[in-house]
Structure formats: C-alpha cells, structure tokens
Amino acid sequence: MDLNSDMEKILWTEQQISERVTELGSEITRHFKPETASPVIVGVATGAFLFLADLVRKIHLPVTVDFIRVESYGSGTVSNGQPRISFDLKIDVRGKHVILVEDIVDTGNTLYCLIDYMKSKGASSVSVCTLLDKPARRKVHFELVGEGKYYCGFECPDEFVVGYGLDFAELYRNLPYVGVLKPEVYK
C-alpha cells in the first residue's frame, strides 16, 4: 500500500512544517520567560504526538510533558460533537501554566471541553498550540484562561487532511507532510 498515492495534494511540506514549528517554539519561549513557572505541555493524543515531539525540542525553557486523550471522531471523518476524556493526565496542573498541543482545531468542541477541564483542575492559565486551525468548521467558541495565548501553525482549508500525526482510520500519521486525502479513499 502506497500511502502517498492516496493524496490529492500536499498542503504543507516537511520543510514548511519544520520551519513553522521552530517559529512556534520561539514564540512560546518568548511568552513564557525563564522566570515564569515552567509550562506543562499537554499533548492531545494521538494526533499531536509528532507535532508535540518536534515542538518541545524548539522550546528553550524547562517544561514538563503529559498527554490526555479525548475522543470525538472514532474511525469517521467528522467529529461526533461529543468529546470525552478517555485517558487522563498524570501531572497535577493546579496553579500551573498549561499549553494544550493539538494537531487540528476543527469544530472547537474538544478544546472547549479541555479548557474547561483544565480550569476545573486549577490551571492558572491555559494556552493552545495547534498545528492546524480549520475556522470554516468552528461550531463552538472557546476562551483561553488567564494569560493564555493561541498559537497556530497554519490555517487549514475545509478539506480532509492527513499526515504528520493526523490520520484516517489510524493510517497516514507517519507521512512527513500534511496532505489532502483523495475522497474516494474515505467515502
């Protein structure tokens, strides 16, 4: 099976992603000065794992890393709108600055749920760093907490994308780029 042949087009190359991740790491480093409490980087698994791994290596601050799993897609291509936490944090985020790292912000349902959850856990601020933002699909407005900021890699067109951690039915995560999947593959 040649995963590359299932692509309609490539939106962002490995090089473009690498350059943008470096820029995002620099932005986060500038925002969270060394004298500020070390941020807790929370990867929204599984889609964010590649992005998170590259991102934390570009943040020049002491950080702690944890993962949380929120499910809302199953094996489909559209969020069911009912996110649920299926794997919780190990780190206590009370009084800490949390940066949620997402692969893609689509409807906003998952982030709304996670930001509210981090508030309930006592986080002093909640920021979001997403590789892709798909504003055309937004259904829920979410508000950051405290001094939280929104970091975005790329604005994504309203197409079904895979690669660099993003999947369809758990495949394509290992592609080094982000591409649009041919509709005949997922219909």
N, C-alpha and C. Protein backbone atom coordinates (compact mmCIF):
# COMPACT_ATOMS: atom_id res chain seq x y z
N MET A 1 0.85 -1.19 0.00
CA MET A 1 0.00 0.00 0.00
C MET A 1 0.89 1.24 0.00
N ASP A 2 0.73 2.08 -1.00
CA ASP A 2 1.50 3.33 -1.10
C ASP A 2 0.63 4.48 -0.59
N LEU A 3 0.93 4.93 0.64
CA LEU A 3 0.14 6.00 1.25
C LEU A 3 0.19 7.28 0.44
N ASN A 4 1.33 7.55 -0.19
CA ASN A 4 1.48 8.78 -0.97
C ASN A 4 0.51 8.85 -2.14
N SER A 5 0.19 7.70 -2.72
CA SER A 5 -0.70 7.70 -3.88
C SER A 5 -2.15 8.01 -3.50
N ASP A 6 -2.46 7.99 -2.21
CA ASP A 6 -3.81 8.32 -1.75
C ASP A 6 -4.02 9.83 -1.56
N MET A 7 -2.98 10.61 -1.82
CA MET A 7 -3.07 12.06 -1.63
C MET A 7 -3.56 12.76 -2.88
N GLU A 8 -4.49 13.67 -2.68
CA GLU A 8 -4.95 14.53 -3.76
C GLU A 8 -3.93 15.65 -4.01
N LYS A 9 -3.41 16.19 -2.89
CA LYS A 9 -2.37 17.22 -2.98
C LYS A 9 -1.71 17.37 -1.62
N ILE A 10 -0.51 17.95 -1.64
CA ILE A 10 0.22 18.24 -0.41
C ILE A 10 0.00 19.72 -0.09
N LEU A 11 -0.43 19.99 1.15
CA LEU A 11 -0.65 21.37 1.57
C LEU A 11 0.60 21.99 2.17
N TRP A 12 1.28 21.23 3.07
CA TRP A 12 2.49 21.73 3.70
C TRP A 12 3.54 20.63 3.69
N THR A 13 4.70 20.98 3.19
CA THR A 13 5.80 20.03 3.08
C THR A 13 6.48 19.83 4.43
N GLU A 14 7.32 18.83 4.50
CA GLU A 14 8.10 18.56 5.70
C GLU A 14 8.93 19.79 6.09
N GLN A 15 9.52 20.45 5.11
CA GLN A 15 10.34 21.63 5.36
C GLN A 15 9.51 22.80 5.89
N GLN A 16 8.35 23.04 5.29
CA GLN A 16 7.48 24.13 5.75
C GLN A 16 7.01 23.89 7.18
N ILE A 17 6.67 22.64 7.49
CA ILE A 17 6.24 22.30 8.84
C ILE A 17 7.38 22.53 9.83
N SER A 18 8.56 22.06 9.48
CA SER A 18 9.73 22.21 10.35
C SER A 18 10.01 23.69 10.66
N GLU A 19 9.96 24.52 9.64
CA GLU A 19 10.21 25.95 9.83
C GLU A 19 9.14 26.58 10.74
N ARG A 20 7.89 26.20 10.54
CA ARG A 20 6.82 26.79 11.34
C ARG A 20 6.88 26.30 12.79
N VAL A 21 7.23 25.05 12.99
CA VAL A 21 7.36 24.52 14.35
C VAL A 21 8.47 25.26 15.10
N THR A 22 9.56 25.55 14.43
CA THR A 22 10.65 26.32 15.03
C THR A 22 10.16 27.71 15.45
N GLU A 23 9.38 28.35 14.57
CA GLU A 23 8.82 29.68 14.90
C GLU A 23 7.88 29.60 16.10
N LEU A 24 7.03 28.58 16.15
CA LEU A 24 6.11 28.42 17.27
C LEU A 24 6.87 28.20 18.58
N GLY A 25 7.92 27.39 18.54
CA GLY A 25 8.74 27.17 19.73
C GLY A 25 9.36 28.46 20.23
N SER A 26 9.80 29.31 19.30
CA SER A 26 10.37 30.60 19.68
C SER A 26 9.31 31.52 20.30
N GLU A 27 8.10 31.52 19.72
CA GLU A 27 7.01 32.34 20.26
C GLU A 27 6.68 31.92 21.70
N ILE A 28 6.60 30.63 21.93
CA ILE A 28 6.30 30.12 23.27
C ILE A 28 7.42 30.47 24.23
N THR A 29 8.66 30.31 23.80
CA THR A 29 9.81 30.64 24.64
C THR A 29 9.78 32.11 25.05
N ARG A 30 9.43 33.00 24.10
CA ARG A 30 9.35 34.44 24.41
C ARG A 30 8.22 34.74 25.39
N HIS A 31 7.08 34.08 25.22
CA HIS A 31 5.93 34.34 26.09
C HIS A 31 6.18 33.86 27.51
N PHE A 32 6.72 32.68 27.67
CA PHE A 32 6.99 32.11 28.98
C PHE A 32 8.46 32.30 29.31
N LYS A 33 8.77 33.44 29.86
CA LYS A 33 10.15 33.78 30.23
C LYS A 33 10.68 32.76 31.24
N PRO A 34 12.00 32.58 31.29
CA PRO A 34 12.56 31.60 32.23
C PRO A 34 12.15 31.82 33.69
N GLU A 35 11.90 33.10 34.07
CA GLU A 35 11.50 33.36 35.45
C GLU A 35 10.03 33.00 35.71
N THR A 36 9.26 32.78 34.64
CA THR A 36 7.88 32.34 34.77
C THR A 36 7.89 30.86 35.14
N ALA A 37 6.87 30.42 35.82
CA ALA A 37 6.77 28.99 36.13
C ALA A 37 6.83 28.17 34.85
N SER A 38 7.50 27.04 34.92
CA SER A 38 7.64 26.17 33.76
C SER A 38 6.27 25.71 33.28
N PRO A 39 6.00 25.87 31.98
CA PRO A 39 4.70 25.41 31.49
C PRO A 39 4.60 23.88 31.43
N VAL A 40 3.37 23.42 31.56
CA VAL A 40 3.07 22.00 31.37
C VAL A 40 2.53 21.86 29.95
N ILE A 41 3.24 21.12 29.14
CA ILE A 41 2.83 20.88 27.76
C ILE A 41 1.98 19.62 27.75
N VAL A 42 0.71 19.77 27.31
CA VAL A 42 -0.21 18.63 27.32
C VAL A 42 -0.57 18.28 25.88
N GLY A 43 -0.08 17.15 25.43
CA GLY A 43 -0.39 16.67 24.10
C GLY A 43 -1.76 16.02 24.08
N VAL A 44 -2.56 16.44 23.11
CA VAL A 44 -3.86 15.82 22.93
C VAL A 44 -3.63 14.63 21.99
N ALA A 45 -3.47 13.46 22.60
CA ALA A 45 -3.06 12.26 21.87
C ALA A 45 -4.24 11.75 21.04
N THR A 46 -4.02 11.09 19.98
CA THR A 46 -2.77 10.59 19.45
C THR A 46 -2.28 11.50 18.31
N GLY A 47 -3.14 12.30 17.79
CA GLY A 47 -2.82 13.11 16.63
C GLY A 47 -1.69 14.10 16.82
N ALA A 48 -1.48 14.56 18.04
CA ALA A 48 -0.49 15.62 18.27
C ALA A 48 0.90 15.09 18.59
N PHE A 49 1.11 13.78 18.63
CA PHE A 49 2.37 13.27 19.15
C PHE A 49 3.59 13.69 18.33
N LEU A 50 3.52 13.69 17.01
CA LEU A 50 4.67 14.12 16.21
C LEU A 50 4.92 15.61 16.37
N PHE A 51 3.85 16.40 16.29
CA PHE A 51 3.94 17.84 16.45
C PHE A 51 4.50 18.18 17.83
N LEU A 52 3.99 17.54 18.86
CA LEU A 52 4.45 17.81 20.22
C LEU A 52 5.93 17.48 20.36
N ALA A 53 6.36 16.35 19.85
CA ALA A 53 7.77 15.95 19.97
C ALA A 53 8.69 16.98 19.32
N ASP A 54 8.32 17.43 18.13
CA ASP A 54 9.14 18.44 17.45
C ASP A 54 9.07 19.78 18.17
N LEU A 55 7.87 20.15 18.64
CA LEU A 55 7.67 21.45 19.28
C LEU A 55 8.47 21.58 20.57
N VAL A 56 8.40 20.59 21.46
CA VAL A 56 9.08 20.73 22.75
C VAL A 56 10.60 20.85 22.58
N ARG A 57 11.14 20.29 21.51
CA ARG A 57 12.58 20.43 21.27
C ARG A 57 12.94 21.83 20.82
N LYS A 58 11.94 22.62 20.42
CA LYS A 58 12.18 24.01 19.98
C LYS A 58 11.81 25.03 21.06
N ILE A 59 11.32 24.55 22.20
CA ILE A 59 11.01 25.44 23.32
C ILE A 59 12.22 25.43 24.25
N HIS A 60 12.83 26.58 24.43
CA HIS A 60 14.06 26.67 25.21
C HIS A 60 13.76 27.15 26.62
N LEU A 61 13.00 26.33 27.33
CA LEU A 61 12.59 26.56 28.71
C LEU A 61 12.46 25.20 29.38
N PRO A 62 12.51 25.18 30.70
CA PRO A 62 12.15 23.92 31.37
C PRO A 62 10.65 23.68 31.19
N VAL A 63 10.29 22.51 30.73
CA VAL A 63 8.88 22.16 30.56
C VAL A 63 8.66 20.76 31.10
N THR A 64 7.42 20.49 31.47
CA THR A 64 7.01 19.12 31.74
C THR A 64 6.00 18.75 30.67
N VAL A 65 5.92 17.46 30.39
CA VAL A 65 5.07 16.99 29.29
C VAL A 65 4.14 15.89 29.81
N ASP A 66 2.91 15.96 29.39
CA ASP A 66 1.94 14.92 29.71
C ASP A 66 1.01 14.78 28.51
N PHE A 67 0.18 13.75 28.55
CA PHE A 67 -0.77 13.52 27.48
C PHE A 67 -2.16 13.32 28.05
N ILE A 68 -3.13 13.70 27.25
CA ILE A 68 -4.53 13.45 27.56
C ILE A 68 -5.16 12.96 26.27
N ARG A 69 -6.10 12.05 26.40
CA ARG A 69 -6.76 11.56 25.20
C ARG A 69 -8.23 11.94 25.26
N VAL A 70 -8.68 12.59 24.21
CA VAL A 70 -10.07 12.98 24.07
C VAL A 70 -10.55 12.41 22.75
N GLU A 71 -11.63 11.67 22.79
CA GLU A 71 -12.13 11.02 21.59
C GLU A 71 -13.42 11.66 21.14
N SER A 72 -13.48 11.96 19.83
CA SER A 72 -14.72 12.50 19.27
C SER A 72 -14.91 12.12 17.81
N TYR A 73 -13.95 11.39 17.22
CA TYR A 73 -14.04 11.04 15.81
C TYR A 73 -14.31 9.57 15.55
N GLY A 74 -13.81 8.68 16.39
CA GLY A 74 -13.90 7.25 16.07
C GLY A 74 -13.11 6.98 14.81
N SER A 75 -13.69 6.25 13.88
CA SER A 75 -12.99 5.98 12.62
C SER A 75 -13.58 6.80 11.47
N GLY A 76 -14.40 7.77 11.78
CA GLY A 76 -15.03 8.59 10.74
C GLY A 76 -14.19 9.81 10.38
N THR A 77 -14.79 10.67 9.57
CA THR A 77 -14.09 11.87 9.11
C THR A 77 -14.69 13.14 9.70
N VAL A 78 -15.76 13.01 10.47
CA VAL A 78 -16.44 14.16 11.06
C VAL A 78 -16.61 13.92 12.55
N SER A 79 -16.30 14.94 13.34
CA SER A 79 -16.45 14.84 14.79
C SER A 79 -17.91 14.56 15.14
N ASN A 80 -18.11 13.72 16.15
CA ASN A 80 -19.48 13.44 16.59
C ASN A 80 -20.01 14.53 17.53
N GLY A 81 -19.17 15.52 17.88
CA GLY A 81 -19.59 16.64 18.69
C GLY A 81 -19.69 16.35 20.17
N GLN A 82 -19.34 15.15 20.58
CA GLN A 82 -19.42 14.75 21.99
C GLN A 82 -18.06 14.28 22.49
N PRO A 83 -17.11 15.19 22.69
CA PRO A 83 -15.79 14.74 23.16
C PRO A 83 -15.86 14.16 24.57
N ARG A 84 -15.06 13.13 24.79
CA ARG A 84 -14.97 12.56 26.12
C ARG A 84 -13.51 12.22 26.40
N ILE A 85 -13.11 12.45 27.65
CA ILE A 85 -11.74 12.16 28.07
C ILE A 85 -11.65 10.67 28.34
N SER A 86 -10.75 10.01 27.61
CA SER A 86 -10.61 8.56 27.77
C SER A 86 -9.27 8.18 28.39
N PHE A 87 -8.37 9.17 28.55
CA PHE A 87 -7.07 8.93 29.18
C PHE A 87 -6.67 10.25 29.83
N ASP A 88 -6.51 10.24 31.13
CA ASP A 88 -6.31 11.48 31.88
C ASP A 88 -4.84 11.78 32.14
N LEU A 89 -4.60 12.98 32.63
CA LEU A 89 -3.26 13.46 32.98
C LEU A 89 -2.69 12.71 34.18
N LYS A 90 -1.36 12.64 34.24
CA LYS A 90 -0.66 12.16 35.43
C LYS A 90 -0.22 13.35 36.27
N ILE A 91 0.11 14.47 35.62
CA ILE A 91 0.65 15.65 36.28
C ILE A 91 -0.49 16.49 36.87
N ASP A 92 -0.27 16.99 38.07
CA ASP A 92 -1.21 17.91 38.70
C ASP A 92 -0.96 19.30 38.11
N VAL A 93 -1.98 19.87 37.47
CA VAL A 93 -1.81 21.17 36.80
C VAL A 93 -2.27 22.35 37.66
N ARG A 94 -2.65 22.10 38.90
CA ARG A 94 -3.12 23.17 39.79
C ARG A 94 -2.05 24.25 39.93
N GLY A 95 -2.44 25.50 39.61
CA GLY A 95 -1.55 26.64 39.74
C GLY A 95 -0.49 26.74 38.65
N LYS A 96 -0.60 25.91 37.62
CA LYS A 96 0.43 25.88 36.57
C LYS A 96 -0.10 26.45 35.26
N HIS A 97 0.84 26.82 34.40
CA HIS A 97 0.52 27.29 33.06
C HIS A 97 0.49 26.07 32.15
N VAL A 98 -0.65 25.84 31.52
CA VAL A 98 -0.84 24.68 30.66
C VAL A 98 -0.88 25.13 29.21
N ILE A 99 -0.17 24.40 28.35
CA ILE A 99 -0.27 24.61 26.90
C ILE A 99 -0.81 23.32 26.31
N LEU A 100 -2.04 23.38 25.81
CA LEU A 100 -2.63 22.24 25.13
C LEU A 100 -2.09 22.20 23.70
N VAL A 101 -1.53 21.07 23.30
CA VAL A 101 -0.98 20.92 21.96
C VAL A 101 -1.89 20.01 21.16
N GLU A 102 -2.46 20.58 20.11
CA GLU A 102 -3.43 19.88 19.25
C GLU A 102 -2.86 19.71 17.85
N ASP A 103 -3.31 18.67 17.16
CA ASP A 103 -2.96 18.53 15.75
C ASP A 103 -3.81 19.47 14.90
N ILE A 104 -5.11 19.53 15.20
CA ILE A 104 -6.01 20.36 14.40
C ILE A 104 -7.18 20.84 15.28
N VAL A 105 -7.53 22.10 15.12
CA VAL A 105 -8.73 22.65 15.77
C VAL A 105 -9.79 22.75 14.68
N ASP A 106 -10.85 22.01 14.88
CA ASP A 106 -11.91 21.88 13.88
C ASP A 106 -13.17 22.57 14.42
N THR A 107 -14.09 21.83 14.98
CA THR A 107 -15.34 22.41 15.49
C THR A 107 -15.12 23.27 16.72
N GLY A 108 -14.08 22.98 17.49
CA GLY A 108 -13.82 23.67 18.75
C GLY A 108 -14.37 22.92 19.94
N ASN A 109 -15.16 21.86 19.71
CA ASN A 109 -15.76 21.09 20.81
C ASN A 109 -14.70 20.51 21.75
N THR A 110 -13.68 19.89 21.19
CA THR A 110 -12.65 19.25 22.02
C THR A 110 -11.93 20.29 22.86
N LEU A 111 -11.53 21.41 22.25
CA LEU A 111 -10.83 22.44 23.01
C LEU A 111 -11.71 23.04 24.09
N TYR A 112 -12.96 23.28 23.78
CA TYR A 112 -13.88 23.81 24.78
C TYR A 112 -13.91 22.88 25.99
N CYS A 113 -14.04 21.59 25.72
CA CYS A 113 -14.06 20.58 26.78
C CYS A 113 -12.76 20.58 27.56
N LEU A 114 -11.63 20.60 26.87
CA LEU A 114 -10.32 20.53 27.53
C LEU A 114 -9.99 21.78 28.33
N ILE A 115 -10.30 22.94 27.79
CA ILE A 115 -10.03 24.18 28.51
C ILE A 115 -10.85 24.22 29.79
N ASP A 116 -12.12 23.84 29.70
CA ASP A 116 -12.98 23.79 30.87
C ASP A 116 -12.43 22.78 31.89
N TYR A 117 -11.94 21.66 31.40
CA TYR A 117 -11.39 20.63 32.26
C TYR A 117 -10.13 21.14 32.98
N MET A 118 -9.25 21.82 32.25
CA MET A 118 -8.02 22.36 32.86
C MET A 118 -8.37 23.42 33.91
N LYS A 119 -9.38 24.24 33.64
CA LYS A 119 -9.85 25.21 34.63
C LYS A 119 -10.33 24.49 35.89
N SER A 120 -11.09 23.43 35.70
CA SER A 120 -11.62 22.69 36.85
C SER A 120 -10.49 22.03 37.65
N LYS A 121 -9.37 21.76 37.02
CA LYS A 121 -8.20 21.18 37.69
C LYS A 121 -7.32 22.26 38.32
N GLY A 122 -7.69 23.55 38.15
CA GLY A 122 -6.98 24.64 38.82
C GLY A 122 -5.81 25.23 38.06
N ALA A 123 -5.71 25.00 36.74
CA ALA A 123 -4.62 25.61 35.96
C ALA A 123 -4.71 27.13 36.06
N SER A 124 -3.56 27.79 36.23
CA SER A 124 -3.57 29.26 36.35
C SER A 124 -3.74 29.92 34.99
N SER A 125 -3.30 29.25 33.94
CA SER A 125 -3.55 29.74 32.58
C SER A 125 -3.60 28.54 31.64
N VAL A 126 -4.35 28.70 30.57
CA VAL A 126 -4.43 27.65 29.55
C VAL A 126 -4.22 28.32 28.20
N SER A 127 -3.17 27.87 27.51
CA SER A 127 -2.89 28.30 26.14
C SER A 127 -3.14 27.12 25.22
N VAL A 128 -3.23 27.40 23.94
CA VAL A 128 -3.41 26.35 22.94
C VAL A 128 -2.37 26.55 21.85
N CYS A 129 -1.73 25.47 21.46
CA CYS A 129 -0.82 25.48 20.32
C CYS A 129 -1.29 24.38 19.37
N THR A 130 -1.76 24.78 18.21
CA THR A 130 -2.26 23.81 17.24
C THR A 130 -1.45 23.88 15.96
N LEU A 131 -1.22 22.75 15.37
CA LEU A 131 -0.55 22.72 14.07
C LEU A 131 -1.46 23.35 13.03
N LEU A 132 -2.73 22.94 13.02
CA LEU A 132 -3.68 23.41 12.01
C LEU A 132 -4.93 23.97 12.66
N ASP A 133 -5.45 25.03 12.07
CA ASP A 133 -6.72 25.61 12.50
C ASP A 133 -7.64 25.63 11.29
N LYS A 134 -8.83 25.05 11.47
CA LYS A 134 -9.81 24.99 10.38
C LYS A 134 -11.03 25.82 10.79
N PRO A 135 -10.94 27.16 10.70
CA PRO A 135 -12.02 28.03 11.19
C PRO A 135 -13.35 27.84 10.46
N ALA A 136 -13.34 27.35 9.24
CA ALA A 136 -14.58 27.16 8.49
C ALA A 136 -15.49 26.14 9.17
N ARG A 137 -14.94 25.29 10.01
CA ARG A 137 -15.73 24.23 10.67
C ARG A 137 -16.11 24.57 12.11
N ARG A 138 -15.69 25.75 12.60
CA ARG A 138 -15.89 26.09 14.01
C ARG A 138 -17.36 26.17 14.36
N LYS A 139 -17.73 25.48 15.44
CA LYS A 139 -19.11 25.50 15.94
C LYS A 139 -19.17 26.03 17.36
N VAL A 140 -18.06 25.92 18.08
CA VAL A 140 -18.03 26.31 19.48
C VAL A 140 -16.91 27.33 19.69
N HIS A 141 -17.24 28.43 20.35
CA HIS A 141 -16.22 29.42 20.70
C HIS A 141 -15.61 29.02 22.04
N PHE A 142 -14.30 29.02 22.11
CA PHE A 142 -13.64 28.68 23.37
C PHE A 142 -12.82 29.89 23.82
N GLU A 143 -12.70 30.03 25.13
CA GLU A 143 -11.94 31.14 25.70
C GLU A 143 -10.75 30.58 26.47
N LEU A 144 -9.60 31.20 26.26
CA LEU A 144 -8.40 30.79 26.97
C LEU A 144 -8.49 31.27 28.41
N VAL A 145 -7.65 30.73 29.27
CA VAL A 145 -7.69 31.04 30.69
C VAL A 145 -6.50 31.89 31.07
N GLY A 146 -6.72 32.88 31.93
CA GLY A 146 -5.64 33.71 32.46
C GLY A 146 -4.87 34.40 31.35
N GLU A 147 -3.57 34.24 31.38
CA GLU A 147 -2.68 34.85 30.38
C GLU A 147 -2.50 33.95 29.16
N GLY A 148 -3.43 33.04 28.94
CA GLY A 148 -3.32 32.09 27.85
C GLY A 148 -3.24 32.76 26.48
N LYS A 149 -2.53 32.10 25.57
CA LYS A 149 -2.38 32.59 24.20
C LYS A 149 -2.78 31.47 23.23
N TYR A 150 -3.06 31.89 21.99
CA TYR A 150 -3.40 30.93 20.94
C TYR A 150 -2.28 30.95 19.91
N TYR A 151 -1.63 29.82 19.75
CA TYR A 151 -0.55 29.66 18.78
C TYR A 151 -1.04 28.74 17.67
N CYS A 152 -0.88 29.18 16.43
CA CYS A 152 -1.37 28.40 15.30
C CYS A 152 -0.29 28.25 14.24
N GLY A 153 -0.11 27.02 13.79
CA GLY A 153 0.86 26.76 12.73
C GLY A 153 0.38 27.24 11.38
N PHE A 154 -0.75 26.71 10.94
CA PHE A 154 -1.28 27.03 9.62
C PHE A 154 -2.81 27.07 9.67
N GLU A 155 -3.41 27.93 8.87
CA GLU A 155 -4.85 27.90 8.69
C GLU A 155 -5.15 26.89 7.60
N CYS A 156 -6.03 25.96 7.92
CA CYS A 156 -6.31 24.83 7.06
C CYS A 156 -7.60 25.03 6.28
N PRO A 157 -7.59 24.72 4.99
CA PRO A 157 -8.84 24.77 4.23
C PRO A 157 -9.79 23.67 4.71
N ASP A 158 -11.04 23.79 4.36
CA ASP A 158 -12.06 22.84 4.79
C ASP A 158 -11.99 21.59 3.92
N GLU A 159 -10.91 20.83 4.10
CA GLU A 159 -10.70 19.58 3.38
C GLU A 159 -10.23 18.54 4.39
N PHE A 160 -10.34 17.26 4.04
CA PHE A 160 -9.93 16.20 4.95
C PHE A 160 -8.43 15.97 4.79
N VAL A 161 -7.67 16.32 5.84
CA VAL A 161 -6.21 16.27 5.78
C VAL A 161 -5.65 15.15 6.66
N VAL A 162 -4.52 14.63 6.22
CA VAL A 162 -3.80 13.59 6.96
C VAL A 162 -2.31 13.86 6.87
N GLY A 163 -1.56 13.13 7.68
CA GLY A 163 -0.11 13.24 7.69
C GLY A 163 0.38 14.00 8.90
N TYR A 164 1.66 13.82 9.22
CA TYR A 164 2.31 14.48 10.35
C TYR A 164 1.46 14.34 11.62
N GLY A 165 1.01 13.11 11.88
CA GLY A 165 0.22 12.81 13.07
C GLY A 165 -1.27 12.69 12.83
N LEU A 166 -1.78 13.37 11.82
CA LEU A 166 -3.22 13.31 11.52
C LEU A 166 -3.52 12.03 10.75
N ASP A 167 -4.67 11.43 11.05
CA ASP A 167 -4.95 10.13 10.46
C ASP A 167 -6.33 10.05 9.82
N PHE A 168 -6.51 8.97 9.09
CA PHE A 168 -7.82 8.46 8.72
C PHE A 168 -7.80 6.98 9.08
N ALA A 169 -8.68 6.56 9.98
CA ALA A 169 -8.77 5.18 10.43
C ALA A 169 -7.40 4.67 10.90
N GLU A 170 -6.67 5.55 11.62
CA GLU A 170 -5.36 5.26 12.22
C GLU A 170 -4.22 5.13 11.21
N LEU A 171 -4.45 5.41 9.94
CA LEU A 171 -3.39 5.37 8.93
C LEU A 171 -2.97 6.79 8.56
N TYR A 172 -1.83 6.92 7.92
CA TYR A 172 -1.26 8.14 7.35
C TYR A 172 -0.54 9.03 8.37
N ARG A 173 -0.57 8.70 9.66
CA ARG A 173 0.09 9.53 10.67
C ARG A 173 1.57 9.71 10.39
N ASN A 174 2.20 8.71 9.80
CA ASN A 174 3.64 8.70 9.62
C ASN A 174 4.13 9.46 8.38
N LEU A 175 3.24 10.05 7.62
CA LEU A 175 3.68 10.86 6.48
C LEU A 175 4.36 12.12 7.01
N PRO A 176 5.45 12.55 6.40
CA PRO A 176 6.18 13.71 6.92
C PRO A 176 5.58 15.07 6.52
N TYR A 177 4.53 15.05 5.78
CA TYR A 177 3.86 16.27 5.30
C TYR A 177 2.38 16.20 5.66
N VAL A 178 1.65 17.29 5.40
CA VAL A 178 0.19 17.30 5.56
C VAL A 178 -0.41 17.40 4.17
N GLY A 179 -1.27 16.45 3.85
CA GLY A 179 -1.88 16.43 2.53
C GLY A 179 -3.38 16.21 2.61
N VAL A 180 -4.04 16.46 1.50
CA VAL A 180 -5.47 16.24 1.37
C VAL A 180 -5.68 14.82 0.85
N LEU A 181 -6.46 14.05 1.58
CA LEU A 181 -6.75 12.69 1.20
C LEU A 181 -7.78 12.68 0.06
N LYS A 182 -7.54 11.83 -0.95
CA LYS A 182 -8.50 11.70 -2.03
C LYS A 182 -9.84 11.22 -1.48
N PRO A 183 -10.94 11.85 -1.88
CA PRO A 183 -12.26 11.48 -1.34
C PRO A 183 -12.62 10.00 -1.54
N GLU A 184 -12.19 9.42 -2.64
CA GLU A 184 -12.54 8.01 -2.87
C GLU A 184 -11.90 7.08 -1.84
N VAL A 185 -10.89 7.55 -1.13
CA VAL A 185 -10.23 6.72 -0.12
C VAL A 185 -11.10 6.62 1.15
N TYR A 186 -11.81 7.68 1.50
CA TYR A 186 -12.57 7.67 2.76
C TYR A 186 -14.07 7.65 2.59
N LYS A 187 -14.56 7.58 1.37
CA LYS A 187 -16.02 7.53 1.20
C LYS A 187 -16.49 6.13 0.94
